């Protein structure tokens, strides 16, 4: 038997996998970061049990990653931070993705069973 907390954590993992693998490789430039943030958040918020998604694409990191004259780079985990709130039944899960030792780490921040 799966608990509500386990299911909520599973749902969070599904959303991170979807977000990361759907958008990794998307062309991004400093002028398109805000619209891409919005598109990513709104796409993931469509999924069941997702209460909110905040995507922050760092303009300075994007600018530093551009290495050719075309003015864009490919989106990677190193260019963004993400926070998600998931609710399954009476369980609220907070998650985030941030750079840790050069790796975009996806992690549970809190599991609140009320």
PDB file of N, CA and C in Angstrom:
ATOM      1  N   UNK A   1       0.831  -1.184   0.000  1.00  0.00           N
ATOM      2  CA  UNK A   1       0.000   0.000   0.000  1.00  0.00           C
ATOM      3  C   UNK A   1       0.876   1.249   0.000  1.00  0.00           C
ATOM      4  N   UNK A   2       0.606   2.158  -0.891  1.00  0.00           N
ATOM      5  CA  UNK A   2       1.352   3.410  -1.002  1.00  0.00           C
ATOM      6  C   UNK A   2       0.668   4.473  -0.141  1.00  0.00           C
ATOM      7  N   UNK A   3       1.457   5.192   0.638  1.00  0.00           N
ATOM      8  CA  UNK A   3       0.888   6.257   1.466  1.00  0.00           C
ATOM      9  C   UNK A   3       0.665   7.509   0.625  1.00  0.00           C
ATOM     10  N   UNK A   4      -0.150   8.425   1.133  1.00  0.00           N
ATOM     11  CA  UNK A   4      -0.362   9.695   0.448  1.00  0.00           C
ATOM     12  C   UNK A   4       0.942  10.481   0.324  1.00  0.00           C
ATOM     13  N   UNK A   5       1.769  10.420   1.351  1.00  0.00           N
ATOM     14  CA  UNK A   5       3.065  11.121   1.305  1.00  0.00           C
ATOM     15  C   UNK A   5       3.958  10.551   0.214  1.00  0.00           C
ATOM     16  N   UNK A   6       3.991   9.230   0.099  1.00  0.00           N
ATOM     17  CA  UNK A   6       4.788   8.610  -0.957  1.00  0.00           C
ATOM     18  C   UNK A   6       4.256   8.994  -2.334  1.00  0.00           C
ATOM     19  N   UNK A   7       2.949   8.999  -2.493  1.00  0.00           N
ATOM     20  CA  UNK A   7       2.357   9.377  -3.776  1.00  0.00           C
ATOM     21  C   UNK A   7       2.640  10.837  -4.109  1.00  0.00           C
ATOM     22  N   UNK A   8       2.576  11.714  -3.097  1.00  0.00           N
ATOM     23  CA  UNK A   8       2.874  13.130  -3.317  1.00  0.00           C
ATOM     24  C   UNK A   8       4.324  13.314  -3.768  1.00  0.00           C
ATOM     25  N   UNK A   9       5.239  12.584  -3.159  1.00  0.00           N
ATOM     26  CA  UNK A   9       6.654  12.661  -3.554  1.00  0.00           C
ATOM     27  C   UNK A   9       6.857  12.117  -4.967  1.00  0.00           C
ATOM     28  N   UNK A  10       6.164  11.052  -5.296  1.00  0.00           N
ATOM     29  CA  UNK A  10       6.216  10.499  -6.656  1.00  0.00           C
ATOM     30  C   UNK A  10       5.728  11.542  -7.662  1.00  0.00           C
ATOM     31  N   UNK A  11       4.619  12.195  -7.346  1.00  0.00           N
ATOM     32  CA  UNK A  11       4.073  13.229  -8.234  1.00  0.00           C
ATOM     33  C   UNK A  11       5.089  14.349  -8.455  1.00  0.00           C
ATOM     34  N   UNK A  12       5.784  14.736  -7.397  1.00  0.00           N
ATOM     35  CA  UNK A  12       6.811  15.774  -7.529  1.00  0.00           C
ATOM     36  C   UNK A  12       7.920  15.317  -8.472  1.00  0.00           C
ATOM     37  N   UNK A  13       8.343  14.068  -8.352  1.00  0.00           N
ATOM     38  CA  UNK A  13       9.384  13.540  -9.237  1.00  0.00           C
ATOM     39  C   UNK A  13       8.952  13.520 -10.685  1.00  0.00           C
ATOM     40  N   UNK A  14       7.710  13.143 -10.924  1.00  0.00           N
ATOM     41  CA  UNK A  14       7.178  13.128 -12.291  1.00  0.00           C
ATOM     42  C   UNK A  14       7.223  14.535 -12.884  1.00  0.00           C
ATOM     43  N   UNK A  15       6.837  15.515 -12.102  1.00  0.00           N
ATOM     44  CA  UNK A  15       6.807  16.886 -12.610  1.00  0.00           C
ATOM     45  C   UNK A  15       8.207  17.405 -12.905  1.00  0.00           C
ATOM     46  N   UNK A  16       9.179  17.085 -12.046  1.00  0.00           N
ATOM     47  CA  UNK A  16      10.548  17.504 -12.317  1.00  0.00           C
ATOM     48  C   UNK A  16      11.091  16.823 -13.571  1.00  0.00           C
ATOM     49  N   UNK A  17      10.839  15.534 -13.712  1.00  0.00           N
ATOM     50  CA  UNK A  17      11.295  14.830 -14.910  1.00  0.00           C
ATOM     51  C   UNK A  17      10.691  15.421 -16.162  1.00  0.00           C
ATOM     52  N   UNK A  18       9.415  15.727 -16.097  1.00  0.00           N
ATOM     53  CA  UNK A  18       8.731  16.324 -17.239  1.00  0.00           C
ATOM     54  C   UNK A  18       9.318  17.696 -17.565  1.00  0.00           C
ATOM     55  N   UNK A  19       9.470  18.524 -16.553  1.00  0.00           N
ATOM     56  CA  UNK A  19       9.998  19.874 -16.765  1.00  0.00           C
ATOM     57  C   UNK A  19      11.398  19.824 -17.358  1.00  0.00           C
ATOM     58  N   UNK A  20      12.268  19.063 -16.725  1.00  0.00           N
ATOM     59  CA  UNK A  20      13.659  19.060 -17.152  1.00  0.00           C
ATOM     60  C   UNK A  20      13.825  18.485 -18.556  1.00  0.00           C
ATOM     61  N   UNK A  21      13.226  17.345 -18.803  1.00  0.00           N
ATOM     62  CA  UNK A  21      13.471  16.672 -20.067  1.00  0.00           C
ATOM     63  C   UNK A  21      12.636  17.227 -21.216  1.00  0.00           C
ATOM     64  N   UNK A  22      11.571  17.914 -20.906  1.00  0.00           N
ATOM     65  CA  UNK A  22      10.795  18.570 -21.954  1.00  0.00           C
ATOM     66  C   UNK A  22      11.487  19.841 -22.440  1.00  0.00           C
ATOM     67  N   UNK A  23      12.141  20.567 -21.530  1.00  0.00           N
ATOM     68  CA  UNK A  23      12.674  21.883 -21.888  1.00  0.00           C
ATOM     69  C   UNK A  23      14.193  21.937 -22.042  1.00  0.00           C
ATOM     70  N   UNK A  24      14.923  20.948 -21.563  1.00  0.00           N
ATOM     71  CA  UNK A  24      16.376  20.952 -21.755  1.00  0.00           C
ATOM     72  C   UNK A  24      16.680  20.978 -23.248  1.00  0.00           C
ATOM     73  N   UNK A  25      17.564  21.856 -23.635  1.00  0.00           N
ATOM     74  CA  UNK A  25      17.928  21.993 -25.046  1.00  0.00           C
ATOM     75  C   UNK A  25      17.175  23.092 -25.771  1.00  0.00           C
ATOM     76  N   UNK A  26      16.171  23.685 -25.112  1.00  0.00           N
ATOM     77  CA  UNK A  26      15.416  24.777 -25.725  1.00  0.00           C
ATOM     78  C   UNK A  26      16.344  25.972 -25.946  1.00  0.00           C
ATOM     79  N   UNK A  27      16.331  26.573 -27.125  1.00  0.00           N
ATOM     80  CA  UNK A  27      17.134  27.768 -27.335  1.00  0.00           C
ATOM     81  C   UNK A  27      16.665  28.890 -26.397  1.00  0.00           C
ATOM     82  N   UNK A  28      17.611  29.553 -25.740  1.00  0.00           N
ATOM     83  CA  UNK A  28      17.282  30.633 -24.812  1.00  0.00           C
ATOM     84  C   UNK A  28      18.325  31.736 -24.925  1.00  0.00           C
ATOM     85  N   UNK A  29      17.856  32.960 -24.803  1.00  0.00           N
ATOM     86  CA  UNK A  29      18.729  34.122 -24.780  1.00  0.00           C
ATOM     87  C   UNK A  29      18.252  35.027 -23.645  1.00  0.00           C
ATOM     88  N   UNK A  30      19.062  36.002 -23.260  1.00  0.00           N
ATOM     89  CA  UNK A  30      18.609  36.905 -22.198  1.00  0.00           C
ATOM     90  C   UNK A  30      17.273  37.590 -22.526  1.00  0.00           C
ATOM     91  N   UNK A  31      16.971  37.776 -23.783  1.00  0.00           N
ATOM     92  CA  UNK A  31      15.700  38.431 -24.140  1.00  0.00           C
ATOM     93  C   UNK A  31      14.503  37.484 -24.113  1.00  0.00           C
ATOM     94  N   UNK A  32      14.735  36.192 -23.989  1.00  0.00           N
ATOM     95  CA  UNK A  32      13.610  35.248 -23.988  1.00  0.00           C
ATOM     96  C   UNK A  32      13.426  34.517 -22.659  1.00  0.00           C
ATOM     97  N   UNK A  33      14.223  34.854 -21.662  1.00  0.00           N
ATOM     98  CA  UNK A  33      14.156  34.096 -20.412  1.00  0.00           C
ATOM     99  C   UNK A  33      12.806  34.220 -19.719  1.00  0.00           C
ATOM    100  N   UNK A  34      12.224  35.414 -19.655  1.00  0.00           N
ATOM    101  CA  UNK A  34      10.949  35.590 -18.938  1.00  0.00           C
ATOM    102  C   UNK A  34       9.830  34.783 -19.595  1.00  0.00           C
ATOM    103  N   UNK A  35       9.752  34.827 -20.920  1.00  0.00           N
ATOM    104  CA  UNK A  35       8.676  34.083 -21.589  1.00  0.00           C
ATOM    105  C   UNK A  35       8.876  32.579 -21.449  1.00  0.00           C
ATOM    106  N   UNK A  36      10.128  32.113 -21.451  1.00  0.00           N
ATOM    107  CA  UNK A  36      10.392  30.694 -21.283  1.00  0.00           C
ATOM    108  C   UNK A  36      10.058  30.251 -19.847  1.00  0.00           C
ATOM    109  N   UNK A  37      10.404  31.085 -18.865  1.00  0.00           N
ATOM    110  CA  UNK A  37      10.033  30.783 -17.477  1.00  0.00           C
ATOM    111  C   UNK A  37       8.525  30.570 -17.353  1.00  0.00           C
ATOM    112  N   UNK A  38       7.768  31.485 -17.934  1.00  0.00           N
ATOM    113  CA  UNK A  38       6.305  31.417 -17.872  1.00  0.00           C
ATOM    114  C   UNK A  38       5.787  30.174 -18.569  1.00  0.00           C
ATOM    115  N   UNK A  39       6.296  29.886 -19.748  1.00  0.00           N
ATOM    116  CA  UNK A  39       5.846  28.709 -20.501  1.00  0.00           C
ATOM    117  C   UNK A  39       6.125  27.426 -19.728  1.00  0.00           C
ATOM    118  N   UNK A  40       7.297  27.334 -19.132  1.00  0.00           N
ATOM    119  CA  UNK A  40       7.658  26.136 -18.376  1.00  0.00           C
ATOM    120  C   UNK A  40       6.739  25.962 -17.166  1.00  0.00           C
ATOM    121  N   UNK A  41       6.560  27.039 -16.411  1.00  0.00           N
ATOM    122  CA  UNK A  41       5.720  26.963 -15.213  1.00  0.00           C
ATOM    123  C   UNK A  41       4.282  26.601 -15.574  1.00  0.00           C
ATOM    124  N   UNK A  42       3.729  27.255 -16.580  1.00  0.00           N
ATOM    125  CA  UNK A  42       2.347  26.992 -16.955  1.00  0.00           C
ATOM    126  C   UNK A  42       2.154  25.588 -17.500  1.00  0.00           C
ATOM    127  N   UNK A  43       3.134  25.076 -18.221  1.00  0.00           N
ATOM    128  CA  UNK A  43       3.028  23.714 -18.748  1.00  0.00           C
ATOM    129  C   UNK A  43       2.986  22.691 -17.615  1.00  0.00           C
ATOM    130  N   UNK A  44       3.852  22.842 -16.627  1.00  0.00           N
ATOM    131  CA  UNK A  44       3.908  21.879 -15.534  1.00  0.00           C
ATOM    132  C   UNK A  44       2.702  22.041 -14.609  1.00  0.00           C
ATOM    133  N   UNK A  45       2.232  23.273 -14.408  1.00  0.00           N
ATOM    134  CA  UNK A  45       1.062  23.503 -13.559  1.00  0.00           C
ATOM    135  C   UNK A  45      -0.197  22.846 -14.110  1.00  0.00           C
ATOM    136  N   UNK A  46      -0.210  22.503 -15.392  1.00  0.00           N
ATOM    137  CA  UNK A  46      -1.347  21.787 -15.975  1.00  0.00           C
ATOM    138  C   UNK A  46      -1.482  20.370 -15.426  1.00  0.00           C
ATOM    139  N   UNK A  47      -0.424  19.817 -14.904  1.00  0.00           N
ATOM    140  CA  UNK A  47      -0.437  18.427 -14.450  1.00  0.00           C
ATOM    141  C   UNK A  47      -1.202  18.289 -13.133  1.00  0.00           C
ATOM    142  N   UNK A  48      -1.813  17.128 -12.928  1.00  0.00           N
ATOM    143  CA  UNK A  48      -2.568  16.907 -11.688  1.00  0.00           C
ATOM    144  C   UNK A  48      -1.695  17.070 -10.447  1.00  0.00           C
ATOM    145  N   UNK A  49      -2.298  17.582  -9.391  1.00  0.00           N
ATOM    146  CA  UNK A  49      -1.696  17.709  -8.063  1.00  0.00           C
ATOM    147  C   UNK A  49      -0.632  18.798  -7.973  1.00  0.00           C
ATOM    148  N   UNK A  50      -0.441  19.577  -9.018  1.00  0.00           N
ATOM    149  CA  UNK A  50       0.564  20.640  -9.004  1.00  0.00           C
ATOM    150  C   UNK A  50      -0.111  21.945  -8.589  1.00  0.00           C
ATOM    151  N   UNK A  51       0.342  22.510  -7.467  1.00  0.00           N
ATOM    152  CA  UNK A  51      -0.231  23.763  -6.992  1.00  0.00           C
ATOM    153  C   UNK A  51       0.485  24.983  -7.563  1.00  0.00           C
ATOM    154  N   UNK A  52       1.806  24.919  -7.643  1.00  0.00           N
ATOM    155  CA  UNK A  52       2.540  26.059  -8.189  1.00  0.00           C
ATOM    156  C   UNK A  52       3.930  25.635  -8.640  1.00  0.00           C
ATOM    157  N   UNK A  53       4.428  26.391  -9.603  1.00  0.00           N
ATOM    158  CA  UNK A  53       5.782  26.194 -10.127  1.00  0.00           C
ATOM    159  C   UNK A  53       6.397  27.574 -10.314  1.00  0.00           C
ATOM    160  N   UNK A  54       7.603  27.737  -9.836  1.00  0.00           N
ATOM    161  CA  UNK A  54       8.352  28.970 -10.067  1.00  0.00           C
ATOM    162  C   UNK A  54       9.654  28.593 -10.754  1.00  0.00           C
ATOM    163  N   UNK A  55       9.855  29.127 -11.947  1.00  0.00           N
ATOM    164  CA  UNK A  55      11.083  28.888 -12.701  1.00  0.00           C
ATOM    165  C   UNK A  55      11.840  30.207 -12.772  1.00  0.00           C
ATOM    166  N   UNK A  56      13.098  30.182 -12.402  1.00  0.00           N
ATOM    167  CA  UNK A  56      13.959  31.351 -12.507  1.00  0.00           C
ATOM    168  C   UNK A  56      15.125  30.992 -13.414  1.00  0.00           C
ATOM    169  N   UNK A  57      15.149  31.599 -14.592  1.00  0.00           N
ATOM    170  CA  UNK A  57      16.279  31.429 -15.512  1.00  0.00           C
ATOM    171  C   UNK A  57      17.166  32.654 -15.314  1.00  0.00           C
ATOM    172  N   UNK A  58      18.402  32.419 -14.972  1.00  0.00           N
ATOM    173  CA  UNK A  58      19.320  33.501 -14.625  1.00  0.00           C
ATOM    174  C   UNK A  58      19.931  34.118 -15.882  1.00  0.00           C
ATOM    175  N   UNK A  59      19.575  35.371 -16.130  1.00  0.00           N
ATOM    176  CA  UNK A  59      20.046  36.071 -17.326  1.00  0.00           C
ATOM    177  C   UNK A  59      21.567  36.091 -17.422  1.00  0.00           C
ATOM    178  N   UNK A  60      22.234  36.307 -16.290  1.00  0.00           N
ATOM    179  CA  UNK A  60      23.694  36.373 -16.328  1.00  0.00           C
ATOM    180  C   UNK A  60      24.302  35.028 -16.713  1.00  0.00           C
ATOM    181  N   UNK A  61      23.733  33.945 -16.230  1.00  0.00           N
ATOM    182  CA  UNK A  61      24.229  32.617 -16.597  1.00  0.00           C
ATOM    183  C   UNK A  61      23.980  32.324 -18.072  1.00  0.00           C
ATOM    184  N   UNK A  62      22.809  32.742 -18.561  1.00  0.00           N
ATOM    185  CA  UNK A  62      22.492  32.560 -19.982  1.00  0.00           C
ATOM    186  C   UNK A  62      23.490  33.337 -20.830  1.00  0.00           C
ATOM    187  N   UNK A  63      23.702  34.593 -20.489  1.00  0.00           N
ATOM    188  CA  UNK A  63      24.634  35.425 -21.260  1.00  0.00           C
ATOM    189  C   UNK A  63      26.038  34.825 -21.258  1.00  0.00           C
ATOM    190  N   UNK A  64      26.471  34.324 -20.112  1.00  0.00           N
ATOM    191  CA  UNK A  64      27.806  33.718 -20.016  1.00  0.00           C
ATOM    192  C   UNK A  64      27.923  32.431 -20.831  1.00  0.00           C
ATOM    193  N   UNK A  65      26.794  31.734 -21.040  1.00  0.00           N
ATOM    194  CA  UNK A  65      26.821  30.452 -21.764  1.00  0.00           C
ATOM    195  C   UNK A  65      26.779  30.618 -23.283  1.00  0.00           C
ATOM    196  N   UNK A  66      26.468  31.814 -23.756  1.00  0.00           N
ATOM    197  CA  UNK A  66      26.415  32.049 -25.204  1.00  0.00           C
ATOM    198  C   UNK A  66      27.835  32.108 -25.739  1.00  0.00           C
ATOM    199  N   UNK A  67      28.156  31.175 -26.660  1.00  0.00           N
ATOM    200  CA  UNK A  67      29.530  31.098 -27.142  1.00  0.00           C
ATOM    201  C   UNK A  67      29.624  31.208 -28.662  1.00  0.00           C
ATOM    202  N   UNK A  68      28.607  31.796 -29.281  1.00  0.00           N
ATOM    203  CA  UNK A  68      28.655  32.000 -30.728  1.00  0.00           C
ATOM    204  C   UNK A  68      27.871  33.253 -31.081  1.00  0.00           C
ATOM    205  N   UNK A  69      27.948  33.656 -32.327  1.00  0.00           N
ATOM    206  CA  UNK A  69      27.367  34.933 -32.762  1.00  0.00           C
ATOM    207  C   UNK A  69      25.855  34.917 -32.921  1.00  0.00           C
ATOM    208  N   UNK A  70      25.212  33.777 -32.742  1.00  0.00           N
ATOM    209  CA  UNK A  70      23.767  33.714 -32.937  1.00  0.00           C
ATOM    210  C   UNK A  70      22.963  34.253 -31.756  1.00  0.00           C
ATOM    211  N   UNK A  71      23.592  34.512 -30.627  1.00  0.00           N
ATOM    212  CA  UNK A  71      22.940  35.184 -29.519  1.00  0.00           C
ATOM    213  C   UNK A  71      22.070  34.332 -28.619  1.00  0.00           C
ATOM    214  N   UNK A  72      22.219  33.031 -28.658  1.00  0.00           N
ATOM    215  CA  UNK A  72      21.447  32.167 -27.765  1.00  0.00           C
ATOM    216  C   UNK A  72      22.294  30.977 -27.341  1.00  0.00           C
ATOM    217  N   UNK A  73      21.778  30.256 -26.360  1.00  0.00           N
ATOM    218  CA  UNK A  73      22.396  29.006 -25.930  1.00  0.00           C
ATOM    219  C   UNK A  73      21.275  28.002 -25.687  1.00  0.00           C
ATOM    220  N   UNK A  74      21.618  26.795 -25.320  1.00  0.00           N
ATOM    221  CA  UNK A  74      20.612  25.785 -25.007  1.00  0.00           C
ATOM    222  C   UNK A  74      20.359  25.772 -23.513  1.00  0.00           C
ATOM    223  N   UNK A  75      19.093  25.672 -23.128  1.00  0.00           N
ATOM    224  CA  UNK A  75      18.732  25.631 -21.720  1.00  0.00           C
ATOM    225  C   UNK A  75      19.260  24.355 -21.067  1.00  0.00           C
ATOM    226  N   UNK A  76      19.915  24.531 -19.938  1.00  0.00           N
ATOM    227  CA  UNK A  76      20.381  23.406 -19.111  1.00  0.00           C
ATOM    228  C   UNK A  76      20.019  23.708 -17.661  1.00  0.00           C
ATOM    229  N   UNK A  77      20.135  22.714 -16.828  1.00  0.00           N
ATOM    230  CA  UNK A  77      19.844  22.896 -15.412  1.00  0.00           C
ATOM    231  C   UNK A  77      20.735  23.917 -14.743  1.00  0.00           C
ATOM    232  N   UNK A  78      21.921  24.130 -15.275  1.00  0.00           N
ATOM    233  CA  UNK A  78      22.845  25.092 -14.668  1.00  0.00           C
ATOM    234  C   UNK A  78      22.400  26.538 -14.850  1.00  0.00           C
ATOM    235  N   UNK A  79      21.421  26.764 -15.707  1.00  0.00           N
ATOM    236  CA  UNK A  79      20.964  28.125 -15.996  1.00  0.00           C
ATOM    237  C   UNK A  79      19.733  28.531 -15.199  1.00  0.00           C
ATOM    238  N   UNK A  80      19.170  27.595 -14.424  1.00  0.00           N
ATOM    239  CA  UNK A  80      17.887  27.904 -13.776  1.00  0.00           C
ATOM    240  C   UNK A  80      17.769  27.296 -12.384  1.00  0.00           C
ATOM    241  N   UNK A  81      16.835  27.859 -11.642  1.00  0.00           N
ATOM    242  CA  UNK A  81      16.380  27.314 -10.369  1.00  0.00           C
ATOM    243  C   UNK A  81      14.876  27.115 -10.497  1.00  0.00           C
ATOM    244  N   UNK A  82      14.363  26.083  -9.835  1.00  0.00           N
ATOM    245  CA  UNK A  82      12.937  25.770  -9.919  1.00  0.00           C
ATOM    246  C   UNK A  82      12.430  25.423  -8.532  1.00  0.00           C
ATOM    247  N   UNK A  83      11.235  25.895  -8.210  1.00  0.00           N
ATOM    248  CA  UNK A  83      10.544  25.493  -6.993  1.00  0.00           C
ATOM    249  C   UNK A  83       9.155  25.020  -7.382  1.00  0.00           C
ATOM    250  N   UNK A  84       8.686  23.946  -6.727  1.00  0.00           N
ATOM    251  CA  UNK A  84       7.354  23.411  -6.999  1.00  0.00           C
ATOM    252  C   UNK A  84       6.648  23.091  -5.695  1.00  0.00           C
ATOM    253  N   UNK A  85       5.328  23.288  -5.714  1.00  0.00           N
ATOM    254  CA  UNK A  85       4.472  22.870  -4.609  1.00  0.00           C
ATOM    255  C   UNK A  85       3.476  21.861  -5.162  1.00  0.00           C
ATOM    256  N   UNK A  86       3.453  20.703  -4.547  1.00  0.00           N
ATOM    257  CA  UNK A  86       2.588  19.605  -4.970  1.00  0.00           C
ATOM    258  C   UNK A  86       1.664  19.273  -3.804  1.00  0.00           C
ATOM    259  N   UNK A  87       0.403  18.981  -4.107  1.00  0.00           N
ATOM    260  CA  UNK A  87      -0.527  18.542  -3.066  1.00  0.00           C
ATOM    261  C   UNK A  87      -1.223  17.276  -3.548  1.00  0.00           C
ATOM    262  N   UNK A  88      -1.143  16.250  -2.736  1.00  0.00           N
ATOM    263  CA  UNK A  88      -1.849  14.994  -2.984  1.00  0.00           C
ATOM    264  C   UNK A  88      -2.615  14.659  -1.710  1.00  0.00           C
ATOM    265  N   UNK A  89      -3.937  14.591  -1.826  1.00  0.00           N
ATOM    266  CA  UNK A  89      -4.796  14.379  -0.659  1.00  0.00           C
ATOM    267  C   UNK A  89      -4.469  15.460   0.373  1.00  0.00           C
ATOM    268  N   UNK A  90      -4.099  15.078   1.580  1.00  0.00           N
ATOM    269  CA  UNK A  90      -3.784  16.058   2.626  1.00  0.00           C
ATOM    270  C   UNK A  90      -2.286  16.277   2.802  1.00  0.00           C
ATOM    271  N   UNK A  91      -1.502  15.912   1.809  1.00  0.00           N
ATOM    272  CA  UNK A  91      -0.050  16.038   1.898  1.00  0.00           C
ATOM    273  C   UNK A  91       0.431  17.141   0.947  1.00  0.00           C
ATOM    274  N   UNK A  92       1.199  18.077   1.508  1.00  0.00           N
ATOM    275  CA  UNK A  92       1.808  19.148   0.710  1.00  0.00           C
ATOM    276  C   UNK A  92       3.311  18.886   0.632  1.00  0.00           C
ATOM    277  N   UNK A  93       3.834  18.886  -0.576  1.00  0.00           N
ATOM    278  CA  UNK A  93       5.254  18.636  -0.806  1.00  0.00           C
ATOM    279  C   UNK A  93       5.875  19.882  -1.435  1.00  0.00           C
ATOM    280  N   UNK A  94       6.980  20.322  -0.875  1.00  0.00           N
ATOM    281  CA  UNK A  94       7.754  21.428  -1.445  1.00  0.00           C
ATOM    282  C   UNK A  94       9.041  20.851  -2.012  1.00  0.00           C
ATOM    283  N   UNK A  95       9.394  21.290  -3.211  1.00  0.00           N
ATOM    284  CA  UNK A  95      10.590  20.785  -3.882  1.00  0.00           C
ATOM    285  C   UNK A  95      11.360  21.938  -4.500  1.00  0.00           C
ATOM    286  N   UNK A  96      12.586  21.652  -4.883  1.00  0.00           N
ATOM    287  CA  UNK A  96      13.371  22.658  -5.607  1.00  0.00           C
ATOM    288  C   UNK A  96      14.444  21.971  -6.432  1.00  0.00           C
ATOM    289  N   UNK A  97      14.901  22.716  -7.418  1.00  0.00           N
ATOM    290  CA  UNK A  97      16.076  22.329  -8.190  1.00  0.00           C
ATOM    291  C   UNK A  97      17.017  23.518  -8.143  1.00  0.00           C
ATOM    292  N   UNK A  98      18.244  23.259  -7.748  1.00  0.00           N
ATOM    293  CA  UNK A  98      19.250  24.311  -7.673  1.00  0.00           C
ATOM    294  C   UNK A  98      20.616  23.672  -7.905  1.00  0.00           C
ATOM    295  N   UNK A  99      21.567  24.516  -8.222  1.00  0.00           N
ATOM    296  CA  UNK A  99      22.915  24.027  -8.458  1.00  0.00           C
ATOM    297  C   UNK A  99      23.593  23.685  -7.126  1.00  0.00           C
ATOM    298  N   UNK A 100      24.116  22.470  -7.038  1.00  0.00           N
ATOM    299  CA  UNK A 100      24.865  22.016  -5.868  1.00  0.00           C
ATOM    300  C   UNK A 100      26.133  21.350  -6.393  1.00  0.00           C
ATOM    301  N   UNK A 101      27.274  21.927  -6.079  1.00  0.00           N
ATOM    302  CA  UNK A 101      28.565  21.389  -6.521  1.00  0.00           C
ATOM    303  C   UNK A 101      28.600  21.159  -8.030  1.00  0.00           C
ATOM    304  N   UNK A 102      28.060  22.117  -8.791  1.00  0.00           N
ATOM    305  CA  UNK A 102      28.100  22.032 -10.243  1.00  0.00           C
ATOM    306  C   UNK A 102      27.057  21.122 -10.869  1.00  0.00           C
ATOM    307  N   UNK A 103      26.083  20.661 -10.086  1.00  0.00           N
ATOM    308  CA  UNK A 103      25.060  19.742 -10.585  1.00  0.00           C
ATOM    309  C   UNK A 103      23.674  20.289 -10.266  1.00  0.00           C
ATOM    310  N   UNK A 104      22.735  20.231 -11.223  1.00  0.00           N
ATOM    311  CA  UNK A 104      21.375  20.701 -10.944  1.00  0.00           C
ATOM    312  C   UNK A 104      20.620  19.651 -10.114  1.00  0.00           C
ATOM    313  N   UNK A 105      20.641  19.827  -8.811  1.00  0.00           N
ATOM    314  CA  UNK A 105      20.066  18.860  -7.882  1.00  0.00           C
ATOM    315  C   UNK A 105      18.577  19.124  -7.663  1.00  0.00           C
ATOM    316  N   UNK A 106      17.762  18.094  -7.872  1.00  0.00           N
ATOM    317  CA  UNK A 106      16.336  18.159  -7.590  1.00  0.00           C
ATOM    318  C   UNK A 106      16.120  17.493  -6.251  1.00  0.00           C
ATOM    319  N   UNK A 107      15.424  18.199  -5.333  1.00  0.00           N
ATOM    320  CA  UNK A 107      15.306  17.664  -3.985  1.00  0.00           C
ATOM    321  C   UNK A 107      13.985  18.009  -3.336  1.00  0.00           C
ATOM    322  N   UNK A 108      13.599  17.176  -2.374  1.00  0.00           N
ATOM    323  CA  UNK A 108      12.463  17.463  -1.521  1.00  0.00           C
ATOM    324  C   UNK A 108      12.916  18.460  -0.464  1.00  0.00           C
ATOM    325  N   UNK A 109      12.131  19.490  -0.249  1.00  0.00           N
ATOM    326  CA  UNK A 109      12.435  20.469   0.788  1.00  0.00           C
ATOM    327  C   UNK A 109      11.606  20.170   2.032  1.00  0.00           C
ATOM    328  N   UNK A 110      10.329  19.805   1.814  1.00  0.00           N
ATOM    329  CA  UNK A 110       9.440  19.565   2.946  1.00  0.00           C
ATOM    330  C   UNK A 110       8.295  18.657   2.507  1.00  0.00           C
ATOM    331  N   UNK A 111       7.890  17.794   3.411  1.00  0.00           N
ATOM    332  CA  UNK A 111       6.696  16.952   3.218  1.00  0.00           C
ATOM    333  C   UNK A 111       5.823  17.213   4.440  1.00  0.00           C
ATOM    334  N   UNK A 112       4.668  17.829   4.210  1.00  0.00           N
ATOM    335  CA  UNK A 112       3.778  18.211   5.296  1.00  0.00           C
ATOM    336  C   UNK A 112       2.502  17.384   5.227  1.00  0.00           C
ATOM    337  N   UNK A 113       2.360  16.478   6.171  1.00  0.00           N
ATOM    338  CA  UNK A 113       1.164  15.610   6.228  1.00  0.00           C
ATOM    339  C   UNK A 113       0.197  16.165   7.273  1.00  0.00           C
ATOM    340  N   UNK A 114      -0.865  16.776   6.797  1.00  0.00           N
ATOM    341  CA  UNK A 114      -1.849  17.350   7.732  1.00  0.00           C
ATOM    342  C   UNK A 114      -3.109  16.568   7.728  1.00  0.00           C
TER     343      UNK A 114
END
